[in-house]
Amino acid sequence: MMNTIKAIKNAIVCLVLLPRFLVAAVMFWLLDFICIRKRVLFRMREQEGDAIDPPLCISDSNRLFSLESLKAVWHGHKLDFLKAAHLGHGAPNTEVVQLQDQRRSRILDYVKDKRPLILNFGSCT
């Protein structure tokens, strides 16, 4: 039963993400195509001895034409869709652990009246 529910959830996520993924893949493909075209034109100009402009494309490796690149785009869209926090929605009430006594509580337990709750993620470096 749980495997069936999980399979249905995955199918729904795939159907929702498919249009976004296809649009992103086409846009990246067009960007790659323009970049490759400019690189080819630059090399043609370079062979003619009339090279004034710098190279327009930094990297010719890791093109979207590869399966690995498409997998990375799909994974990024999936992670973005399944994240807990979304713009315009309520904040997730995640669990926190106090360092002094290892007591567990929720972030929104610290909200007082109508005052904003500020989280400071500092650095120790």
PDB file of N, CA and C in Angstrom:
ATOM      1  N   MET A   1       0.825  -1.199   0.000  1.00  0.00           N
ATOM      2  CA  MET A   1       0.000   0.000   0.000  1.00  0.00           C
ATOM      3  C   MET A   1       0.871   1.265   0.000  1.00  0.00           C
ATOM      4  N   MET A   2       1.915   1.282   0.852  1.00  0.00           N
ATOM      5  CA  MET A   2       2.792   2.457   0.930  1.00  0.00           C
ATOM      6  C   MET A   2       3.557   2.658  -0.375  1.00  0.00           C
ATOM      7  N   ASN A   3       3.968   1.547  -1.011  1.00  0.00           N
ATOM      8  CA  ASN A   3       4.682   1.666  -2.284  1.00  0.00           C
ATOM      9  C   ASN A   3       3.777   2.224  -3.372  1.00  0.00           C
ATOM     10  N   THR A   4       2.510   1.869  -3.341  1.00  0.00           N
ATOM     11  CA  THR A   4       1.556   2.380  -4.322  1.00  0.00           C
ATOM     12  C   THR A   4       1.344   3.877  -4.135  1.00  0.00           C
ATOM     13  N   ILE A   5       1.216   4.305  -2.886  1.00  0.00           N
ATOM     14  CA  ILE A   5       1.045   5.739  -2.608  1.00  0.00           C
ATOM     15  C   ILE A   5       2.278   6.522  -3.035  1.00  0.00           C
ATOM     16  N   LYS A   6       3.448   5.961  -2.746  1.00  0.00           N
ATOM     17  CA  LYS A   6       4.699   6.624  -3.133  1.00  0.00           C
ATOM     18  C   LYS A   6       4.818   6.715  -4.653  1.00  0.00           C
ATOM     19  N   ALA A   7       4.431   5.649  -5.353  1.00  0.00           N
ATOM     20  CA  ALA A   7       4.490   5.645  -6.816  1.00  0.00           C
ATOM     21  C   ALA A   7       3.521   6.671  -7.402  1.00  0.00           C
ATOM     22  N   ILE A   8       2.331   6.779  -6.824  1.00  0.00           N
ATOM     23  CA  ILE A   8       1.356   7.760  -7.301  1.00  0.00           C
ATOM     24  C   ILE A   8       1.864   9.180  -7.056  1.00  0.00           C
ATOM     25  N   LYS A   9       2.457   9.408  -5.870  1.00  0.00           N
ATOM     26  CA  LYS A   9       3.005  10.732  -5.555  1.00  0.00           C
ATOM     27  C   LYS A   9       4.122  11.088  -6.534  1.00  0.00           C
ATOM     28  N   ASN A  10       5.014  10.133  -6.818  1.00  0.00           N
ATOM     29  CA  ASN A  10       6.105  10.386  -7.766  1.00  0.00           C
ATOM     30  C   ASN A  10       5.578  10.673  -9.168  1.00  0.00           C
ATOM     31  N   ALA A  11       4.523   9.955  -9.578  1.00  0.00           N
ATOM     32  CA  ALA A  11       3.939  10.188 -10.899  1.00  0.00           C
ATOM     33  C   ALA A  11       3.332  11.584 -10.989  1.00  0.00           C
ATOM     34  N   ILE A  12       2.651  12.012  -9.935  1.00  0.00           N
ATOM     35  CA  ILE A  12       2.052  13.354  -9.928  1.00  0.00           C
ATOM     36  C   ILE A  12       3.137  14.425  -9.976  1.00  0.00           C
ATOM     37  N   VAL A  13       4.201  14.234  -9.189  1.00  0.00           N
ATOM     38  CA  VAL A  13       5.318  15.194  -9.208  1.00  0.00           C
ATOM     39  C   VAL A  13       5.922  15.270 -10.605  1.00  0.00           C
ATOM     40  N   CYS A  14       6.105  14.125 -11.241  1.00  0.00           N
ATOM     41  CA  CYS A  14       6.675  14.113 -12.596  1.00  0.00           C
ATOM     42  C   CYS A  14       5.775  14.850 -13.583  1.00  0.00           C
ATOM     43  N   LEU A  15       4.471  14.634 -13.485  1.00  0.00           N
ATOM     44  CA  LEU A  15       3.548  15.317 -14.395  1.00  0.00           C
ATOM     45  C   LEU A  15       3.533  16.826 -14.177  1.00  0.00           C
ATOM     46  N   VAL A  16       3.658  17.250 -12.931  1.00  0.00           N
ATOM     47  CA  VAL A  16       3.686  18.681 -12.632  1.00  0.00           C
ATOM     48  C   VAL A  16       4.996  19.303 -13.101  1.00  0.00           C
ATOM     49  N   LEU A  17       6.091  18.582 -12.920  1.00  0.00           N
ATOM     50  CA  LEU A  17       7.407  19.135 -13.257  1.00  0.00           C
ATOM     51  C   LEU A  17       7.746  19.058 -14.738  1.00  0.00           C
ATOM     52  N   LEU A  18       7.124  18.151 -15.470  1.00  0.00           N
ATOM     53  CA  LEU A  18       7.494  17.938 -16.865  1.00  0.00           C
ATOM     54  C   LEU A  18       7.438  19.212 -17.714  1.00  0.00           C
ATOM     55  N   PRO A  19       6.358  20.006 -17.671  1.00  0.00           N
ATOM     56  CA  PRO A  19       6.365  21.232 -18.490  1.00  0.00           C
ATOM     57  C   PRO A  19       7.478  22.210 -18.108  1.00  0.00           C
ATOM     58  N   ARG A  20       7.702  22.393 -16.793  1.00  0.00           N
ATOM     59  CA  ARG A  20       8.784  23.293 -16.344  1.00  0.00           C
ATOM     60  C   ARG A  20      10.134  22.788 -16.822  1.00  0.00           C
ATOM     61  N   PHE A  21      10.351  21.484 -16.703  1.00  0.00           N
ATOM     62  CA  PHE A  21      11.616  20.884 -17.119  1.00  0.00           C
ATOM     63  C   PHE A  21      11.835  21.055 -18.617  1.00  0.00           C
ATOM     64  N   LEU A  22      10.804  20.806 -19.408  1.00  0.00           N
ATOM     65  CA  LEU A  22      10.950  20.914 -20.858  1.00  0.00           C
ATOM     66  C   LEU A  22      11.255  22.347 -21.286  1.00  0.00           C
ATOM     67  N   VAL A  23      10.589  23.316 -20.665  1.00  0.00           N
ATOM     68  CA  VAL A  23      10.866  24.721 -20.985  1.00  0.00           C
ATOM     69  C   VAL A  23      12.314  25.069 -20.618  1.00  0.00           C
ATOM     70  N   ALA A  24      12.758  24.646 -19.419  1.00  0.00           N
ATOM     71  CA  ALA A  24      14.131  24.933 -19.004  1.00  0.00           C
ATOM     72  C   ALA A  24      15.131  24.242 -19.922  1.00  0.00           C
ATOM     73  N   ALA A  25      14.862  22.995 -20.299  1.00  0.00           N
ATOM     74  CA  ALA A  25      15.779  22.262 -21.173  1.00  0.00           C
ATOM     75  C   ALA A  25      15.893  22.936 -22.535  1.00  0.00           C
ATOM     76  N   VAL A  26      14.766  23.378 -23.088  1.00  0.00           N
ATOM     77  CA  VAL A  26      14.793  24.070 -24.391  1.00  0.00           C
ATOM     78  C   VAL A  26      15.539  25.393 -24.270  1.00  0.00           C
ATOM     79  N   MET A  27      15.308  26.137 -23.183  1.00  0.00           N
ATOM     80  CA  MET A  27      16.006  27.410 -23.010  1.00  0.00           C
ATOM     81  C   MET A  27      17.516  27.200 -22.881  1.00  0.00           C
ATOM     82  N   PHE A  28      17.923  26.206 -22.091  1.00  0.00           N
ATOM     83  CA  PHE A  28      19.350  25.918 -21.969  1.00  0.00           C
ATOM     84  C   PHE A  28      19.932  25.431 -23.285  1.00  0.00           C
ATOM     85  N   TRP A  29      19.168  24.649 -24.036  1.00  0.00           N
ATOM     86  CA  TRP A  29      19.643  24.179 -25.328  1.00  0.00           C
ATOM     87  C   TRP A  29      19.847  25.362 -26.266  1.00  0.00           C
ATOM     88  N   LEU A  30      18.892  26.294 -26.283  1.00  0.00           N
ATOM     89  CA  LEU A  30      19.040  27.481 -27.135  1.00  0.00           C
ATOM     90  C   LEU A  30      20.240  28.312 -26.707  1.00  0.00           C
ATOM     91  N   LEU A  31      20.429  28.466 -25.405  1.00  0.00           N
ATOM     92  CA  LEU A  31      21.589  29.198 -24.909  1.00  0.00           C
ATOM     93  C   LEU A  31      22.883  28.518 -25.323  1.00  0.00           C
ATOM     94  N   ASP A  32      22.916  27.192 -25.190  1.00  0.00           N
ATOM     95  CA  ASP A  32      24.091  26.437 -25.635  1.00  0.00           C
ATOM     96  C   ASP A  32      24.306  26.587 -27.129  1.00  0.00           C
ATOM     97  N   PHE A  33      23.221  26.520 -27.895  1.00  0.00           N
ATOM     98  CA  PHE A  33      23.328  26.642 -29.341  1.00  0.00           C
ATOM     99  C   PHE A  33      23.906  27.994 -29.726  1.00  0.00           C
ATOM    100  N   ILE A  34      23.426  29.062 -29.093  1.00  0.00           N
ATOM    101  CA  ILE A  34      23.946  30.404 -29.378  1.00  0.00           C
ATOM    102  C   ILE A  34      25.413  30.492 -28.984  1.00  0.00           C
ATOM    103  N   CYS A  35      25.757  29.922 -27.834  1.00  0.00           N
ATOM    104  CA  CYS A  35      27.136  29.958 -27.366  1.00  0.00           C
ATOM    105  C   CYS A  35      28.062  29.200 -28.315  1.00  0.00           C
ATOM    106  N   ILE A  36      27.632  28.026 -28.748  1.00  0.00           N
ATOM    107  CA  ILE A  36      28.445  27.228 -29.679  1.00  0.00           C
ATOM    108  C   ILE A  36      28.558  27.946 -31.016  1.00  0.00           C
ATOM    109  N   ARG A  37      27.457  28.533 -31.482  1.00  0.00           N
ATOM    110  CA  ARG A  37      27.470  29.272 -32.748  1.00  0.00           C
ATOM    111  C   ARG A  37      28.461  30.440 -32.681  1.00  0.00           C
ATOM    112  N   LYS A  38      28.434  31.182 -31.561  1.00  0.00           N
ATOM    113  CA  LYS A  38      29.364  32.300 -31.425  1.00  0.00           C
ATOM    114  C   LYS A  38      30.803  31.807 -31.386  1.00  0.00           C
ATOM    115  N   ARG A  39      31.028  30.671 -30.721  1.00  0.00           N
ATOM    116  CA  ARG A  39      32.379  30.111 -30.648  1.00  0.00           C
ATOM    117  C   ARG A  39      32.867  29.722 -32.042  1.00  0.00           C
ATOM    118  N   VAL A  40      31.995  29.099 -32.826  1.00  0.00           N
ATOM    119  CA  VAL A  40      32.367  28.689 -34.182  1.00  0.00           C
ATOM    120  C   VAL A  40      32.661  29.916 -35.038  1.00  0.00           C
ATOM    121  N   LEU A  41      31.802  30.935 -34.950  1.00  0.00           N
ATOM    122  CA  LEU A  41      32.036  32.154 -35.728  1.00  0.00           C
ATOM    123  C   LEU A  41      33.331  32.843 -35.305  1.00  0.00           C
ATOM    124  N   PHE A  42      33.618  32.817 -34.000  1.00  0.00           N
ATOM    125  CA  PHE A  42      34.846  33.422 -33.516  1.00  0.00           C
ATOM    126  C   PHE A  42      36.060  32.689 -34.075  1.00  0.00           C
ATOM    127  N   ARG A  43      36.000  31.358 -34.069  1.00  0.00           N
ATOM    128  CA  ARG A  43      37.122  30.575 -34.610  1.00  0.00           C
ATOM    129  C   ARG A  43      37.288  30.797 -36.107  1.00  0.00           C
ATOM    130  N   MET A  44      36.164  30.967 -36.821  1.00  0.00           N
ATOM    131  CA  MET A  44      36.259  31.241 -38.251  1.00  0.00           C
ATOM    132  C   MET A  44      36.923  32.592 -38.483  1.00  0.00           C
ATOM    133  N   ARG A  45      36.541  33.588 -37.671  1.00  0.00           N
ATOM    134  CA  ARG A  45      37.153  34.907 -37.777  1.00  0.00           C
ATOM    135  C   ARG A  45      38.637  34.842 -37.421  1.00  0.00           C
ATOM    136  N   GLU A  46      38.949  34.013 -36.414  1.00  0.00           N
ATOM    137  CA  GLU A  46      40.328  33.868 -35.964  1.00  0.00           C
ATOM    138  C   GLU A  46      41.206  33.288 -37.076  1.00  0.00           C
ATOM    139  N   GLN A  47      40.658  32.348 -37.832  1.00  0.00           N
ATOM    140  CA  GLN A  47      41.409  31.743 -38.933  1.00  0.00           C
ATOM    141  C   GLN A  47      41.643  32.742 -40.059  1.00  0.00           C
ATOM    142  N   GLU A  48      40.724  33.687 -40.199  1.00  0.00           N
ATOM    143  CA  GLU A  48      40.874  34.715 -41.232  1.00  0.00           C
ATOM    144  C   GLU A  48      41.876  35.780 -40.798  1.00  0.00           C
ATOM    145  N   GLY A  49      42.257  35.781 -39.504  1.00  0.00           N
ATOM    146  CA  GLY A  49      43.209  36.765 -39.020  1.00  0.00           C
ATOM    147  C   GLY A  49      42.574  38.078 -38.619  1.00  0.00           C
ATOM    148  N   ASP A  50      41.264  38.111 -38.439  1.00  0.00           N
ATOM    149  CA  ASP A  50      40.553  39.337 -38.107  1.00  0.00           C
ATOM    150  C   ASP A  50      39.911  39.236 -36.724  1.00  0.00           C
ATOM    151  N   ALA A  51      40.624  38.650 -35.781  1.00  0.00           N
ATOM    152  CA  ALA A  51      40.043  38.423 -34.449  1.00  0.00           C
ATOM    153  C   ALA A  51      40.280  39.634 -33.555  1.00  0.00           C
ATOM    154  N   ILE A  52      39.232  40.384 -33.286  1.00  0.00           N
ATOM    155  CA  ILE A  52      39.309  41.539 -32.401  1.00  0.00           C
ATOM    156  C   ILE A  52      38.575  41.241 -31.091  1.00  0.00           C
ATOM    157  N   ASP A  53      37.416  40.583 -31.180  1.00  0.00           N
ATOM    158  CA  ASP A  53      36.594  40.297 -30.022  1.00  0.00           C
ATOM    159  C   ASP A  53      37.170  39.153 -29.182  1.00  0.00           C
ATOM    160  N   PRO A  54      36.997  39.220 -27.865  1.00  0.00           N
ATOM    161  CA  PRO A  54      37.409  38.097 -27.021  1.00  0.00           C
ATOM    162  C   PRO A  54      36.433  36.932 -27.173  1.00  0.00           C
ATOM    163  N   PRO A  55      36.810  35.737 -26.712  1.00  0.00           N
ATOM    164  CA  PRO A  55      35.890  34.599 -26.808  1.00  0.00           C
ATOM    165  C   PRO A  55      34.598  34.889 -26.033  1.00  0.00           C
ATOM    166  N   LEU A  56      33.478  34.491 -26.597  1.00  0.00           N
ATOM    167  CA  LEU A  56      32.195  34.782 -25.984  1.00  0.00           C
ATOM    168  C   LEU A  56      31.718  33.670 -25.053  1.00  0.00           C
ATOM    169  N   CYS A  57      32.276  32.482 -25.188  1.00  0.00           N
ATOM    170  CA  CYS A  57      31.860  31.354 -24.362  1.00  0.00           C
ATOM    171  C   CYS A  57      33.041  30.900 -23.519  1.00  0.00           C
ATOM    172  N   ILE A  58      32.805  30.713 -22.250  1.00  0.00           N
ATOM    173  CA  ILE A  58      33.876  30.340 -21.346  1.00  0.00           C
ATOM    174  C   ILE A  58      34.193  28.863 -21.447  1.00  0.00           C
ATOM    175  N   SER A  59      33.170  28.015 -21.468  1.00  0.00           N
ATOM    176  CA  SER A  59      33.392  26.578 -21.396  1.00  0.00           C
ATOM    177  C   SER A  59      32.675  25.864 -22.527  1.00  0.00           C
ATOM    178  N   ASP A  60      33.381  24.976 -23.191  1.00  0.00           N
ATOM    179  CA  ASP A  60      32.758  24.132 -24.209  1.00  0.00           C
ATOM    180  C   ASP A  60      32.424  22.759 -23.640  1.00  0.00           C
ATOM    181  N   SER A  61      32.814  22.505 -22.398  1.00  0.00           N
ATOM    182  CA  SER A  61      32.526  21.216 -21.793  1.00  0.00           C
ATOM    183  C   SER A  61      31.208  21.270 -21.039  1.00  0.00           C
ATOM    184  N   ASN A  62      30.707  20.127 -20.644  1.00  0.00           N
ATOM    185  CA  ASN A  62      29.489  19.999 -19.840  1.00  0.00           C
ATOM    186  C   ASN A  62      28.286  20.628 -20.541  1.00  0.00           C
ATOM    187  N   ARG A  63      28.097  20.292 -21.774  1.00  0.00           N
ATOM    188  CA  ARG A  63      26.989  20.816 -22.568  1.00  0.00           C
ATOM    189  C   ARG A  63      25.670  20.198 -22.152  1.00  0.00           C
ATOM    190  N   LEU A  64      24.591  20.887 -22.406  1.00  0.00           N
ATOM    191  CA  LEU A  64      23.270  20.375 -22.092  1.00  0.00           C
ATOM    192  C   LEU A  64      22.909  19.206 -22.995  1.00  0.00           C
ATOM    193  N   PHE A  65      23.625  19.015 -24.051  1.00  0.00           N
ATOM    194  CA  PHE A  65      23.348  17.907 -24.948  1.00  0.00           C
ATOM    195  C   PHE A  65      23.638  16.569 -24.286  1.00  0.00           C
ATOM    196  N   SER A  66      24.267  16.582 -23.119  1.00  0.00           N
ATOM    197  CA  SER A  66      24.594  15.335 -22.435  1.00  0.00           C
ATOM    198  C   SER A  66      23.458  14.922 -21.508  1.00  0.00           C
ATOM    199  N   LEU A  67      23.355  13.630 -21.263  1.00  0.00           N
ATOM    200  CA  LEU A  67      22.340  13.088 -20.371  1.00  0.00           C
ATOM    201  C   LEU A  67      22.569  13.560 -18.935  1.00  0.00           C
ATOM    202  N   GLU A  68      23.827  13.715 -18.525  1.00  0.00           N
ATOM    203  CA  GLU A  68      24.139  14.166 -17.174  1.00  0.00           C
ATOM    204  C   GLU A  68      23.609  15.577 -16.921  1.00  0.00           C
ATOM    205  N   SER A  69      23.720  16.440 -17.910  1.00  0.00           N
ATOM    206  CA  SER A  69      23.222  17.805 -17.758  1.00  0.00           C
ATOM    207  C   SER A  69      21.701  17.830 -17.641  1.00  0.00           C
ATOM    208  N   LEU A  70      21.024  17.017 -18.434  1.00  0.00           N
ATOM    209  CA  LEU A  70      19.565  16.951 -18.343  1.00  0.00           C
ATOM    210  C   LEU A  70      19.128  16.393 -16.997  1.00  0.00           C
ATOM    211  N   LYS A  71      19.867  15.404 -16.480  1.00  0.00           N
ATOM    212  CA  LYS A  71      19.556  14.863 -15.158  1.00  0.00           C
ATOM    213  C   LYS A  71      19.721  15.935 -14.085  1.00  0.00           C
ATOM    214  N   ALA A  72      20.754  16.764 -14.206  1.00  0.00           N
ATOM    215  CA  ALA A  72      20.990  17.830 -13.233  1.00  0.00           C
ATOM    216  C   ALA A  72      19.857  18.864 -13.270  1.00  0.00           C
ATOM    217  N   VAL A  73      19.376  19.218 -14.457  1.00  0.00           N
ATOM    218  CA  VAL A  73      18.271  20.164 -14.578  1.00  0.00           C
ATOM    219  C   VAL A  73      17.007  19.566 -13.955  1.00  0.00           C
ATOM    220  N   TRP A  74      16.734  18.282 -14.243  1.00  0.00           N
ATOM    221  CA  TRP A  74      15.556  17.615 -13.683  1.00  0.00           C
ATOM    222  C   TRP A  74      15.643  17.578 -12.155  1.00  0.00           C
ATOM    223  N   HIS A  75      16.813  17.203 -11.630  1.00  0.00           N
ATOM    224  CA  HIS A  75      16.997  17.101 -10.179  1.00  0.00           C
ATOM    225  C   HIS A  75      16.801  18.471  -9.514  1.00  0.00           C
ATOM    226  N   GLY A  76      17.312  19.516 -10.124  1.00  0.00           N
ATOM    227  CA  GLY A  76      17.145  20.865  -9.579  1.00  0.00           C
ATOM    228  C   GLY A  76      15.683  21.277  -9.521  1.00  0.00           C
ATOM    229  N   HIS A  77      14.928  20.991 -10.570  1.00  0.00           N
ATOM    230  CA  HIS A  77      13.503  21.318 -10.566  1.00  0.00           C
ATOM    231  C   HIS A  77      12.758  20.501  -9.521  1.00  0.00           C
ATOM    232  N   LYS A  78      13.138  19.240  -9.375  1.00  0.00           N
ATOM    233  CA  LYS A  78      12.476  18.379  -8.387  1.00  0.00           C
ATOM    234  C   LYS A  78      12.752  18.868  -6.967  1.00  0.00           C
ATOM    235  N   LEU A  79      14.001  19.224  -6.678  1.00  0.00           N
ATOM    236  CA  LEU A  79      14.334  19.741  -5.354  1.00  0.00           C
ATOM    237  C   LEU A  79      13.595  21.044  -5.062  1.00  0.00           C
ATOM    238  N   ASP A  80      13.515  21.907  -6.048  1.00  0.00           N
ATOM    239  CA  ASP A  80      12.819  23.185  -5.864  1.00  0.00           C
ATOM    240  C   ASP A  80      11.333  22.960  -5.592  1.00  0.00           C
ATOM    241  N   PHE A  81      10.730  22.001  -6.290  1.00  0.00           N
ATOM    242  CA  PHE A  81       9.301  21.730  -6.120  1.00  0.00           C
ATOM    243  C   PHE A  81       8.995  21.110  -4.760  1.00  0.00           C
ATOM    244  N   LEU A  82       9.882  20.251  -4.264  1.00  0.00           N
ATOM    245  CA  LEU A  82       9.619  19.511  -3.035  1.00  0.00           C
ATOM    246  C   LEU A  82      10.139  20.195  -1.771  1.00  0.00           C
ATOM    247  N   LYS A  83      10.715  21.375  -1.876  1.00  0.00           N
ATOM    248  CA  LYS A  83      11.237  22.032  -0.682  1.00  0.00           C
ATOM    249  C   LYS A  83      10.106  22.448   0.256  1.00  0.00           C
ATOM    250  N   ALA A  84      10.437  22.605   1.520  1.00  0.00           N
ATOM    251  CA  ALA A  84       9.417  22.900   2.534  1.00  0.00           C
ATOM    252  C   ALA A  84       8.994  24.371   2.517  1.00  0.00           C
ATOM    253  N   ALA A  85       9.893  25.272   2.191  1.00  0.00           N
ATOM    254  CA  ALA A  85       9.587  26.702   2.210  1.00  0.00           C
ATOM    255  C   ALA A  85       9.287  27.192   0.793  1.00  0.00           C
ATOM    256  N   HIS A  86       8.204  27.939   0.666  1.00  0.00           N
ATOM    257  CA  HIS A  86       7.819  28.508  -0.625  1.00  0.00           C
ATOM    258  C   HIS A  86       7.494  29.981  -0.438  1.00  0.00           C
ATOM    259  N   LEU A  87       7.859  30.788  -1.413  1.00  0.00           N
ATOM    260  CA  LEU A  87       7.622  32.225  -1.381  1.00  0.00           C
ATOM    261  C   LEU A  87       6.124  32.513  -1.284  1.00  0.00           C
ATOM    262  N   GLY A  88       5.758  33.343  -0.315  1.00  0.00           N
ATOM    263  CA  GLY A  88       4.371  33.729  -0.145  1.00  0.00           C
ATOM    264  C   GLY A  88       3.568  32.814   0.767  1.00  0.00           C
ATOM    265  N   HIS A  89       4.160  31.721   1.216  1.00  0.00           N
ATOM    266  CA  HIS A  89       3.478  30.798   2.114  1.00  0.00           C
ATOM    267  C   HIS A  89       4.058  30.936   3.527  1.00  0.00           C
ATOM    268  N   GLY A  90       3.409  30.305   4.485  1.00  0.00           N
ATOM    269  CA  GLY A  90       3.899  30.336   5.853  1.00  0.00           C
ATOM    270  C   GLY A  90       5.235  29.619   5.993  1.00  0.00           C
ATOM    271  N   ALA A  91       6.010  30.059   6.964  1.00  0.00           N
ATOM    272  CA  ALA A  91       7.314  29.445   7.195  1.00  0.00           C
ATOM    273  C   ALA A  91       7.141  28.054   7.788  1.00  0.00           C
ATOM    274  N   PRO A  92       8.004  27.115   7.415  1.00  0.00           N
ATOM    275  CA  PRO A  92       7.923  25.792   8.027  1.00  0.00           C
ATOM    276  C   PRO A  92       8.320  25.861   9.504  1.00  0.00           C
ATOM    277  N   ASN A  93       7.643  25.119  10.326  1.00  0.00           N
ATOM    278  CA  ASN A  93       7.909  25.125  11.765  1.00  0.00           C
ATOM    279  C   ASN A  93       8.821  23.945  12.094  1.00  0.00           C
ATOM    280  N   THR A  94      10.093  24.096  11.771  1.00  0.00           N
ATOM    281  CA  THR A  94      11.035  22.990  11.945  1.00  0.00           C
ATOM    282  C   THR A  94      11.484  22.857  13.390  1.00  0.00           C
ATOM    283  N   GLU A  95      11.999  21.682  13.678  1.00  0.00           N
ATOM    284  CA  GLU A  95      12.454  21.386  15.034  1.00  0.00           C
ATOM    285  C   GLU A  95      13.858  21.943  15.254  1.00  0.00           C
ATOM    286  N   VAL A  96      14.106  22.482  16.461  1.00  0.00           N
ATOM    287  CA  VAL A  96      15.423  22.977  16.840  1.00  0.00           C
ATOM    288  C   VAL A  96      15.823  22.335  18.160  1.00  0.00           C
ATOM    289  N   VAL A  97      17.121  22.251  18.386  1.00  0.00           N
ATOM    290  CA  VAL A  97      17.649  21.669  19.621  1.00  0.00           C
ATOM    291  C   VAL A  97      18.460  22.744  20.331  1.00  0.00           C
ATOM    292  N   GLN A  98      18.120  22.987  21.608  1.00  0.00           N
ATOM    293  CA  GLN A  98      18.888  23.955  22.391  1.00  0.00           C
ATOM    294  C   GLN A  98      20.201  23.308  22.814  1.00  0.00           C
ATOM    295  N   LEU A  99      21.286  24.049  22.668  1.00  0.00           N
ATOM    296  CA  LEU A  99      22.607  23.484  22.931  1.00  0.00           C
ATOM    297  C   LEU A  99      22.868  23.228  24.413  1.00  0.00           C
ATOM    298  N   GLN A 100      22.276  24.032  25.294  1.00  0.00           N
ATOM    299  CA  GLN A 100      22.559  23.897  26.722  1.00  0.00           C
ATOM    300  C   GLN A 100      22.068  22.556  27.279  1.00  0.00           C
ATOM    301  N   ASP A 101      20.807  22.234  27.058  1.00  0.00           N
ATOM    302  CA  ASP A 101      20.233  21.037  27.684  1.00  0.00           C
ATOM    303  C   ASP A 101      19.697  20.020  26.675  1.00  0.00           C
ATOM    304  N   GLN A 102      19.992  20.199  25.408  1.00  0.00           N
ATOM    305  CA  GLN A 102      19.550  19.301  24.333  1.00  0.00           C
ATOM    306  C   GLN A 102      18.021  19.179  24.266  1.00  0.00           C
ATOM    307  N   ARG A 103      17.317  20.181  24.773  1.00  0.00           N
ATOM    308  CA  ARG A 103      15.863  20.177  24.740  1.00  0.00           C
ATOM    309  C   ARG A 103      15.396  20.514  23.331  1.00  0.00           C
ATOM    310  N   ARG A 104      14.391  19.786  22.870  1.00  0.00           N
ATOM    311  CA  ARG A 104      13.846  19.992  21.523  1.00  0.00           C
ATOM    312  C   ARG A 104      12.600  20.860  21.593  1.00  0.00           C
ATOM    313  N   SER A 105      12.499  21.764  20.620  1.00  0.00           N
ATOM    314  CA  SER A 105      11.310  22.600  20.499  1.00  0.00           C
ATOM    315  C   SER A 105      11.145  22.962  19.032  1.00  0.00           C
ATOM    316  N   ARG A 106      10.178  23.794  18.731  1.00  0.00           N
ATOM    317  CA  ARG A 106       9.925  24.242  17.364  1.00  0.00           C
ATOM    318  C   ARG A 106      10.274  25.723  17.243  1.00  0.00           C
ATOM    319  N   ILE A 107      10.653  26.143  16.046  1.00  0.00           N
ATOM    320  CA  ILE A 107      11.058  27.540  15.838  1.00  0.00           C
ATOM    321  C   ILE A 107       9.942  28.503  16.235  1.00  0.00           C
ATOM    322  N   LEU A 108       8.724  28.200  15.826  1.00  0.00           N
ATOM    323  CA  LEU A 108       7.626  29.134  16.087  1.00  0.00           C
ATOM    324  C   LEU A 108       7.216  29.164  17.555  1.00  0.00           C
ATOM    325  N   ASP A 109       7.798  28.313  18.420  1.00  0.00           N
ATOM    326  CA  ASP A 109       7.553  28.401  19.861  1.00  0.00           C
ATOM    327  C   ASP A 109       8.178  29.665  20.454  1.00  0.00           C
ATOM    328  N   TYR A 110       9.110  30.271  19.730  1.00  0.00           N
ATOM    329  CA  TYR A 110       9.813  31.456  20.219  1.00  0.00           C
ATOM    330  C   TYR A 110       9.148  32.768  19.799  1.00  0.00           C
ATOM    331  N   VAL A 111       8.067  32.697  19.071  1.00  0.00           N
ATOM    332  CA  VAL A 111       7.348  33.895  18.644  1.00  0.00           C
ATOM    333  C   VAL A 111       6.597  34.465  19.841  1.00  0.00           C
ATOM    334  N   LYS A 112       6.709  35.780  20.026  1.00  0.00           N
ATOM    335  CA  LYS A 112       6.025  36.452  21.128  1.00  0.00           C
ATOM    336  C   LYS A 112       5.144  37.557  20.565  1.00  0.00           C
ATOM    337  N   ASP A 113       3.867  37.475  20.891  1.00  0.00           N
ATOM    338  CA  ASP A 113       2.872  38.451  20.438  1.00  0.00           C
ATOM    339  C   ASP A 113       2.963  38.648  18.932  1.00  0.00           C
ATOM    340  N   LYS A 114       3.042  39.901  18.507  1.00  0.00           N
ATOM    341  CA  LYS A 114       3.107  40.192  17.070  1.00  0.00           C
ATOM    342  C   LYS A 114       4.494  40.683  16.661  1.00  0.00           C
ATOM    343  N   ARG A 115       5.473  40.377  17.486  1.00  0.00           N
ATOM    344  CA  ARG A 115       6.841  40.781  17.161  1.00  0.00           C
ATOM    345  C   ARG A 115       7.434  39.823  16.125  1.00  0.00           C
ATOM    346  N   PRO A 116       8.209  40.344  15.201  1.00  0.00           N
ATOM    347  CA  PRO A 116       8.822  39.454  14.199  1.00  0.00           C
ATOM    348  C   PRO A 116       9.900  38.561  14.842  1.00  0.00           C
ATOM    349  N   LEU A 117      10.003  37.371  14.358  1.00  0.00           N
ATOM    350  CA  LEU A 117      11.031  36.446  14.826  1.00  0.00           C
ATOM    351  C   LEU A 117      12.208  36.531  13.853  1.00  0.00           C
ATOM    352  N   ILE A 118      13.385  36.819  14.391  1.00  0.00           N
ATOM    353  CA  ILE A 118      14.571  36.962  13.547  1.00  0.00           C
ATOM    354  C   ILE A 118      15.501  35.793  13.816  1.00  0.00           C
ATOM    355  N   LEU A 119      15.877  35.097  12.754  1.00  0.00           N
ATOM    356  CA  LEU A 119      16.836  33.997  12.862  1.00  0.00           C
ATOM    357  C   LEU A 119      18.168  34.493  12.320  1.00  0.00           C
ATOM    358  N   ASN A 120      19.205  34.332  13.114  1.00  0.00           N
ATOM    359  CA  ASN A 120      20.528  34.772  12.707  1.00  0.00           C
ATOM    360  C   ASN A 120      21.404  33.543  12.522  1.00  0.00           C
ATOM    361  N   PHE A 121      21.775  33.266  11.291  1.00  0.00           N
ATOM    362  CA  PHE A 121      22.659  32.150  10.991  1.00  0.00           C
ATOM    363  C   PHE A 121      24.064  32.710  10.858  1.00  0.00           C
ATOM    364  N   GLY A 122      24.789  32.710  11.958  1.00  0.00           N
ATOM    365  CA  GLY A 122      26.118  33.311  11.985  1.00  0.00           C
ATOM    366  C   GLY A 122      27.209  32.346  11.555  1.00  0.00           C
ATOM    367  N   SER A 123      28.413  32.841  11.560  1.00  0.00           N
ATOM    368  CA  SER A 123      29.560  32.050  11.187  1.00  0.00           C
ATOM    369  C   SER A 123      30.602  32.105  12.301  1.00  0.00           C
ATOM    370  N   CYS A 124      31.323  31.026  12.505  1.00  0.00           N
ATOM    371  CA  CYS A 124      32.353  31.026  13.555  1.00  0.00           C
ATOM    372  C   CYS A 124      33.750  31.238  12.989  1.00  0.00           C
ATOM    373  N   THR A 125      33.860  31.581  11.744  1.00  0.00           N
ATOM    374  CA  THR A 125      35.199  31.741  11.171  1.00  0.00           C
ATOM    375  C   THR A 125      35.701  33.146  11.331  1.00  0.00           C
TER     376      THR A 125
END
